[in-house]
Structure formats: C-alpha cells, structure tokens
Amino acid sequence: MTLTVTRSGRAAHAAPPARWRGRKVQGWLYAAPTAVIVGVLFLAPLVLVVWMSLNRWPLLGPATFNAPDNYLKIADNPLFVDAVVFTLKYTVITTVLLSGVALGLALLVQERRPGIAFFRTAFFLPGAVGFAAAGLLFYGMLNNDFGPIDPMLQALGITGEPVKWIGTPNMALFSTITLVLWRFAGFNMLILLTGLQAIPTEVYEAARSDGANRWQIFTKITLPLLRPTLALMLILSVTGSLLAFDQFFVFTNGGPDNSTVSMVMVVYRDAFFRFDLGGAAALSVVLLAALVGLNTLMMRRLR
C-alpha cells in the first residue's frame, strides 16, 4: 500500500493495489466451499429444527404454528425427567472413569522403550471399531443365551449362575460403561499422549535435579501443563456422554423398564414412535442450549 501527501501535508493511504484485492477474492474463494458445507449441513438444519419446534409438525400433513406449546409440554413427557437424571448420572461416571483410565494408559506408554508401539496400537485399536458394531459385539458376548462370557466365568468358578448383564438397571449401566471404556479409552489416551509429548523434557530434568519425586512431578508439572489437553478431552467426553444414543439403542434398547433411556433416545422416540416431530425438535433445541451453556462454562473454568 502506498502513501500520498495531501495539501495540508498529512499522509493519506492510497487505494490498495489490484493484486491485494485479487488475494482477498482468492481468500474468499478458498473459504467458500467450507462456508457452503457449514451452511448446508449445520446452519440450515439448525434453523429448520428451531422452526419445527415452534410448530405442530406431524409426520404427514401440514404444519401449524403453536409456539410455545412444544416447550411447555416437555415437563409433561413421562420419560424426560428420568432420562435427564440418568443421562447426568451416566455422564459423571463415564467422564470420571474414562479420564482416569485414559490418563493412566497415556502415562504408561509415554516413554519410548522397546515394544511400546505395540501397546499404543493395542490400546487404540478398539477406537477403530464402529460404535454400533461394538454394541452388537458386547451384546453377543454378554448374552445369557449364547454369549461366551457366562460359561467362562462359571467354568473358572467365579460365578455359580449366569449374570444378568443387562437384566437389571445397575448391571445394564455397568455393562454400558464398560463398553464405552473399551471403545474410547484408547482414543482419549491418544489425545493425552499428544499433550504429554508436547511437554519439554527439560522441565522434567530440572525438576529431578531439584530433588522432586514422581508424585511432585506429576502434580506440579505434568497436570498443570496438560491442562489444555485435559480440557479438550473433558469437553469431548461430556458432550459425547450427554448425546449418548448408539450404545443404549443397540446394546440395551433403553431397558430394562426404560432405566437406560438417554435424552437423545427420548428425542428419537418422540419423533419416530409418537410421530411428534415438533415436540422432538423442541427437546433437541433445549438439549443443544444446555450443551452450549455447559461447554462454555467448562471452557472458561478450564482455560
């Protein structure tokens, strides 16, 4: 950009060269495909869901405006309150256990030594299995009629009769959490391992030279420097747990007695069993608002 001098002696900016304008247009062209994808796959559906939540939207037939009835009747949904309590309980337990297991695995494979690549791959390998496929796998393994787990436990003398893995509310929750830990511990381990390897080794060497023990190094150096990575993992874990659907739909089908019905399953049942698309859209908007608020709070607290 060039400068010109006015009659008063002050410098004034001239118009930017044509090549700068060309670069600006080129930048917009580069960003256009991403903007189109975000608009078509995110913004347009979001606007549609908000509009659906303000209407009585049957599966067949015209929609009629009825705001705010869909939001007011959420509290009358017989499954909603129980689903909220269960989802929050599931989120807390899963996030705590998953964070602990993933951090332990990351610390275990942090240092380079012979054979460590094998263990890193083995820990991460379950993450390559689709969630629905993992649910079917666990269902087949834990099934009381043809699953191999119960005969193995009885042969070893650990149990005297088949365990109702998904036959009681507590066991269904325990089995589902075990499935989630098996499926996601390796993935979260990889996230934390990336953060651990970004910590300079000179910091650890300086701490050891000052006489710090392993616990002091872990609490005073590793955890504080790992905080941004932990924040990312916690946000992903909490968001995934609050939006849990596949594991309950495939593995427990919300049973027994609707004890493992998550909030997303309530949305699914309202939309495709009760054919109340407007009510399901209202539940989705409420869930989205809660997720945005919770993630914003977590990012501010963990920053």
Protein backbone atom coordinates (compact mmCIF):
# COMPACT_ATOMS: atom_id res chain seq x y z
CA MET A 1 0.00 0.00 0.00
CA THR A 2 1.39 3.42 -0.98
CA LEU A 3 1.08 6.82 0.73
CA THR A 4 0.10 10.13 -0.81
CA VAL A 5 0.56 13.60 0.68
CA THR A 6 -2.42 15.92 0.83
CA ARG A 7 -2.28 19.75 0.52
CA SER A 8 -2.27 20.03 4.29
CA GLY A 9 0.87 17.96 4.43
CA ARG A 10 -0.77 14.92 6.02
CA ALA A 11 -0.15 11.44 4.66
CA ALA A 12 -3.18 9.61 3.30
CA HIS A 13 -3.48 5.97 2.35
CA ALA A 14 -3.96 5.30 -1.32
CA ALA A 15 -6.22 2.62 -2.66
CA PRO A 16 -4.79 -0.88 -2.23
CA PRO A 17 -3.09 -2.35 -5.28
CA ALA A 18 -5.10 -4.59 -7.56
CA ARG A 19 -3.07 -7.63 -6.56
CA TRP A 20 -4.18 -7.18 -2.92
CA ARG A 21 -7.79 -7.13 -3.97
CA GLY A 22 -7.10 -10.23 -6.04
CA ARG A 23 -5.68 -12.01 -2.99
CA LYS A 24 -8.74 -11.03 -0.96
CA VAL A 25 -11.03 -12.51 -3.60
CA GLN A 26 -8.84 -15.58 -3.74
CA GLY A 27 -9.15 -15.99 0.04
CA TRP A 28 -12.92 -15.80 -0.17
CA LEU A 29 -12.90 -18.43 -2.90
CA TYR A 30 -10.80 -20.74 -0.74
CA ALA A 31 -13.20 -20.29 2.19
CA ALA A 32 -16.36 -20.63 0.07
CA PRO A 33 -16.52 -24.49 -0.02
CA THR A 34 -16.22 -24.72 3.76
CA ALA A 35 -18.80 -21.95 4.21
CA VAL A 36 -21.22 -23.76 1.90
CA ILE A 37 -20.74 -27.06 3.74
CA VAL A 38 -21.27 -25.41 7.15
CA GLY A 39 -24.32 -23.55 5.88
CA VAL A 40 -25.94 -26.58 4.25
CA LEU A 41 -25.08 -29.22 6.84
CA PHE A 42 -25.26 -27.15 10.04
CA LEU A 43 -26.91 -23.74 9.83
CA ALA A 44 -29.82 -24.73 7.57
CA PRO A 45 -30.76 -27.81 9.67
CA LEU A 46 -30.41 -25.75 12.85
CA VAL A 47 -32.81 -23.09 11.56
CA LEU A 48 -35.20 -25.83 10.42
CA VAL A 49 -35.15 -27.54 13.83
CA VAL A 50 -35.85 -24.25 15.62
CA TRP A 51 -38.75 -23.56 13.25
CA MET A 52 -40.10 -27.10 13.71
CA SER A 53 -40.01 -26.64 17.49
CA LEU A 54 -42.41 -23.72 17.12
CA ASN A 55 -44.95 -25.72 15.14
CA ARG A 56 -47.14 -28.76 15.45
CA TRP A 57 -45.29 -30.81 12.87
CA PRO A 58 -46.90 -34.17 12.13
CA LEU A 59 -45.13 -36.81 10.08
CA LEU A 60 -47.79 -36.41 7.40
CA GLY A 61 -49.84 -33.30 6.80
CA PRO A 62 -49.27 -29.56 7.04
CA ALA A 63 -47.54 -27.90 9.99
CA THR A 64 -49.42 -25.44 12.21
CA PHE A 65 -47.83 -22.75 14.38
CA ASN A 66 -48.35 -23.49 18.09
CA ALA A 67 -45.48 -21.78 19.94
CA PRO A 68 -44.62 -22.21 22.76
CA ASP A 69 -46.72 -25.36 23.35
CA ASN A 70 -43.96 -27.78 22.36
CA TYR A 71 -41.66 -26.31 25.01
CA LEU A 72 -44.30 -26.15 27.70
CA LYS A 73 -45.20 -29.82 27.36
CA ILE A 74 -41.62 -31.03 27.79
CA ALA A 75 -42.10 -31.29 31.54
CA ASP A 76 -45.16 -33.49 30.95
CA ASN A 77 -43.13 -36.03 29.00
CA PRO A 78 -43.16 -39.18 31.19
CA LEU A 79 -39.62 -40.15 30.18
CA PHE A 80 -37.93 -36.76 30.09
CA VAL A 81 -37.18 -36.21 33.80
CA ASP A 82 -35.96 -39.78 34.32
CA ALA A 83 -33.87 -39.52 31.14
CA VAL A 84 -32.25 -36.28 32.32
CA VAL A 85 -31.33 -37.81 35.70
CA PHE A 86 -29.99 -40.98 34.08
CA THR A 87 -28.00 -39.09 31.42
CA LEU A 88 -26.37 -36.83 34.02
CA LYS A 89 -25.52 -39.83 36.18
CA TYR A 90 -24.09 -41.67 33.19
CA THR A 91 -22.11 -38.59 32.11
CA VAL A 92 -20.48 -38.06 35.50
CA ILE A 93 -19.50 -41.73 35.95
CA THR A 94 -18.28 -42.16 32.39
CA THR A 95 -16.29 -38.93 32.32
CA VAL A 96 -14.50 -39.65 35.61
CA LEU A 97 -13.66 -43.27 34.76
CA LEU A 98 -12.75 -42.56 31.15
CA SER A 99 -10.47 -39.68 32.11
CA GLY A 100 -8.71 -41.75 34.76
CA VAL A 101 -8.22 -44.80 32.54
CA ALA A 102 -7.09 -42.72 29.55
CA LEU A 103 -4.60 -40.73 31.65
CA GLY A 104 -3.22 -43.93 33.16
CA LEU A 105 -2.74 -45.50 29.73
CA ALA A 106 -1.12 -42.33 28.37
CA LEU A 107 1.37 -42.23 31.25
CA LEU A 108 2.05 -45.94 30.78
CA VAL A 109 3.05 -45.57 27.12
CA GLN A 110 4.55 -42.08 27.35
CA GLU A 111 8.23 -43.05 27.41
CA ARG A 112 9.85 -44.62 24.38
CA ARG A 113 11.11 -48.13 25.02
CA PRO A 114 11.16 -51.42 23.11
CA GLY A 115 7.69 -52.73 22.28
CA ILE A 116 5.86 -49.54 23.29
CA ALA A 117 4.47 -49.07 19.77
CA PHE A 118 2.68 -52.41 20.08
CA PHE A 119 0.92 -51.37 23.28
CA ARG A 120 -0.04 -47.96 21.87
CA THR A 121 -1.60 -49.67 18.87
CA ALA A 122 -3.33 -52.29 21.01
CA PHE A 123 -4.84 -49.66 23.32
CA PHE A 124 -6.03 -47.55 20.40
CA LEU A 125 -7.34 -50.43 18.26
CA PRO A 126 -10.87 -50.59 19.80
CA GLY A 127 -11.37 -46.99 18.67
CA ALA A 128 -11.34 -48.22 15.08
CA VAL A 129 -14.46 -50.32 15.71
CA GLY A 130 -17.76 -48.62 14.91
CA PHE A 131 -19.87 -47.82 17.96
CA ALA A 132 -22.88 -49.76 16.70
CA ALA A 133 -20.65 -52.73 15.87
CA ALA A 134 -19.09 -52.52 19.34
CA GLY A 135 -22.57 -52.55 20.90
CA LEU A 136 -23.53 -55.66 18.92
CA LEU A 137 -20.22 -57.28 19.90
CA PHE A 138 -20.81 -56.72 23.61
CA TYR A 139 -24.43 -57.82 23.29
CA GLY A 140 -23.32 -61.10 21.75
CA MET A 141 -20.59 -61.64 24.35
CA LEU A 142 -22.78 -60.87 27.37
CA ASN A 143 -25.98 -62.51 26.16
CA ASN A 144 -27.19 -65.12 28.67
CA ASP A 145 -28.42 -67.50 25.95
CA PHE A 146 -25.42 -67.77 23.65
CA GLY A 147 -22.72 -65.43 24.98
CA PRO A 148 -19.31 -66.88 25.89
CA ILE A 149 -18.66 -64.78 28.99
CA ASP A 150 -21.05 -66.54 31.38
CA PRO A 151 -19.80 -70.09 30.56
CA MET A 152 -16.20 -68.91 31.03
CA LEU A 153 -16.95 -67.34 34.42
CA GLN A 154 -18.82 -70.45 35.56
CA ALA A 155 -16.02 -72.74 34.37
CA LEU A 156 -13.50 -70.71 36.37
CA GLY A 157 -15.73 -70.85 39.46
CA ILE A 158 -16.14 -67.09 39.62
CA THR A 159 -19.94 -67.23 39.31
CA GLY A 160 -22.36 -70.05 40.01
CA GLU A 161 -25.13 -68.90 37.69
CA PRO A 162 -25.49 -66.64 34.63
CA VAL A 163 -25.07 -62.94 35.37
CA LYS A 164 -27.86 -60.68 34.17
CA TRP A 165 -25.54 -58.24 32.44
CA ILE A 166 -28.36 -56.14 31.02
CA GLY A 167 -31.21 -57.61 33.07
CA THR A 168 -31.16 -55.09 35.92
CA PRO A 169 -30.77 -51.28 35.82
CA ASN A 170 -27.44 -51.24 37.67
CA MET A 171 -25.92 -54.08 35.65
CA ALA A 172 -27.13 -52.55 32.39
CA LEU A 173 -25.45 -49.26 33.33
CA PHE A 174 -22.27 -51.07 34.41
CA SER A 175 -22.13 -53.07 31.16
CA THR A 176 -22.70 -49.97 29.05
CA ILE A 177 -19.96 -48.04 30.85
CA THR A 178 -17.61 -51.00 30.32
CA LEU A 179 -18.43 -50.87 26.60
CA VAL A 180 -17.71 -47.13 26.45
CA LEU A 181 -14.41 -47.51 28.34
CA TRP A 182 -13.29 -50.27 25.97
CA ARG A 183 -14.29 -48.24 22.93
CA PHE A 184 -12.97 -44.77 23.85
CA ALA A 185 -10.14 -45.21 26.37
CA GLY A 186 -7.57 -45.65 23.60
CA PHE A 187 -8.81 -42.63 21.67
CA ASN A 188 -8.65 -40.38 24.72
CA MET A 189 -5.26 -41.89 25.55
CA LEU A 190 -4.01 -40.71 22.15
CA ILE A 191 -5.24 -37.16 22.86
CA LEU A 192 -3.49 -37.07 26.23
CA LEU A 193 -0.36 -38.69 24.83
CA THR A 194 -0.10 -35.85 22.33
CA GLY A 195 -0.26 -33.35 25.18
CA LEU A 196 2.30 -35.26 27.25
CA GLN A 197 4.79 -35.39 24.40
CA ALA A 198 4.44 -31.62 23.94
CA ILE A 199 5.80 -31.00 27.45
CA PRO A 200 9.54 -30.15 27.18
CA THR A 201 11.80 -32.80 28.69
CA GLU A 202 13.99 -30.03 30.10
CA VAL A 203 11.23 -29.23 32.60
CA TYR A 204 11.30 -32.76 33.96
CA GLU A 205 15.10 -32.79 34.08
CA ALA A 206 15.14 -29.52 36.00
CA ALA A 207 12.58 -30.86 38.47
CA ARG A 208 14.58 -34.06 39.05
CA SER A 209 17.76 -32.08 39.57
CA ASP A 210 15.92 -30.08 42.24
CA GLY A 211 15.00 -33.29 44.04
CA ALA A 212 11.34 -33.60 43.04
CA ASN A 213 9.84 -37.08 43.35
CA ARG A 214 7.46 -38.71 40.87
CA TRP A 215 4.31 -37.51 42.64
CA GLN A 216 5.55 -33.93 42.79
CA ILE A 217 6.50 -34.01 39.12
CA PHE A 218 3.07 -35.37 38.23
CA THR A 219 1.05 -32.89 40.31
CA LYS A 220 3.23 -29.78 39.88
CA ILE A 221 4.40 -30.18 36.28
CA THR A 222 2.50 -32.78 34.27
CA LEU A 223 -1.06 -31.92 35.28
CA PRO A 224 -0.71 -28.10 35.01
CA LEU A 225 0.99 -28.30 31.60
CA LEU A 226 -1.53 -30.92 30.46
CA ARG A 227 -4.49 -28.75 31.39
CA PRO A 228 -5.40 -27.56 27.84
CA THR A 229 -5.35 -31.16 26.58
CA LEU A 230 -7.39 -32.31 29.57
CA ALA A 231 -9.91 -29.58 28.83
CA LEU A 232 -10.30 -30.79 25.26
CA MET A 233 -10.72 -34.40 26.38
CA LEU A 234 -13.26 -33.46 29.06
CA ILE A 235 -15.33 -31.39 26.62
CA LEU A 236 -15.38 -34.25 24.11
CA SER A 237 -16.24 -36.78 26.82
CA VAL A 238 -19.02 -34.72 28.39
CA THR A 239 -20.53 -33.80 25.03
CA GLY A 240 -20.41 -37.40 23.82
CA SER A 241 -21.98 -38.68 27.05
CA LEU A 242 -24.82 -36.17 27.03
CA LEU A 243 -25.54 -37.08 23.39
CA ALA A 244 -25.29 -40.83 24.05
CA PHE A 245 -27.55 -42.87 21.79
CA ASP A 246 -25.85 -45.73 19.94
CA GLN A 247 -24.76 -47.68 23.00
CA PHE A 248 -28.21 -47.62 24.55
CA PHE A 249 -30.15 -48.11 21.34
CA VAL A 250 -28.08 -51.09 20.16
CA PHE A 251 -26.91 -52.62 23.44
CA THR A 252 -29.77 -52.19 25.94
CA ASN A 253 -32.57 -50.69 23.80
CA GLY A 254 -33.34 -48.42 26.77
CA GLY A 255 -34.12 -51.36 29.06
CA PRO A 256 -34.79 -52.84 31.40
CA ASP A 257 -38.00 -50.91 32.15
CA ASN A 258 -36.71 -47.73 30.44
CA SER A 259 -33.91 -47.49 33.02
CA THR A 260 -31.25 -46.72 30.39
CA VAL A 261 -33.18 -44.23 28.27
CA SER A 262 -30.97 -41.23 27.47
CA MET A 263 -32.15 -37.77 26.46
CA VAL A 264 -31.39 -38.41 22.80
CA MET A 265 -33.43 -41.62 22.97
CA VAL A 266 -36.39 -39.57 24.22
CA VAL A 267 -36.00 -37.32 21.16
CA TYR A 268 -35.84 -40.40 18.92
CA ARG A 269 -38.94 -41.96 20.45
CA ASP A 270 -40.94 -38.75 20.24
CA ALA A 271 -40.04 -38.33 16.58
CA PHE A 272 -40.32 -41.88 15.26
CA PHE A 273 -42.66 -43.67 17.66
CA ARG A 274 -45.06 -40.91 18.69
CA PHE A 275 -44.58 -39.06 15.36
CA ASP A 276 -44.39 -35.75 17.24
CA LEU A 277 -41.66 -34.05 15.24
CA GLY A 278 -42.37 -30.64 16.74
CA GLY A 279 -42.01 -31.93 20.28
CA ALA A 280 -38.82 -33.81 19.36
CA ALA A 281 -37.42 -30.64 17.79
CA ALA A 282 -38.17 -28.68 20.98
CA LEU A 283 -36.33 -31.29 23.04
CA SER A 284 -33.39 -31.05 20.63
CA VAL A 285 -33.25 -27.26 20.97
CA VAL A 286 -33.29 -27.50 24.77
CA LEU A 287 -30.54 -30.12 24.71
CA LEU A 288 -28.46 -28.01 22.32
CA ALA A 289 -28.83 -24.91 24.53
CA ALA A 290 -27.78 -26.93 27.59
CA LEU A 291 -24.74 -28.30 25.73
CA VAL A 292 -23.63 -24.85 24.56
CA GLY A 293 -24.00 -23.41 28.05
CA LEU A 294 -22.19 -26.30 29.71
CA ASN A 295 -19.32 -26.31 27.22
CA THR A 296 -18.93 -22.53 27.54
CA LEU A 297 -18.75 -22.86 31.32
CA MET A 298 -16.24 -25.70 31.10
CA MET A 299 -14.01 -23.79 28.67
CA ARG A 300 -13.95 -20.77 30.98
CA ARG A 301 -13.21 -22.83 34.06
CA LEU A 302 -10.53 -24.98 32.39
CA ARG A 303 -8.86 -22.24 30.35
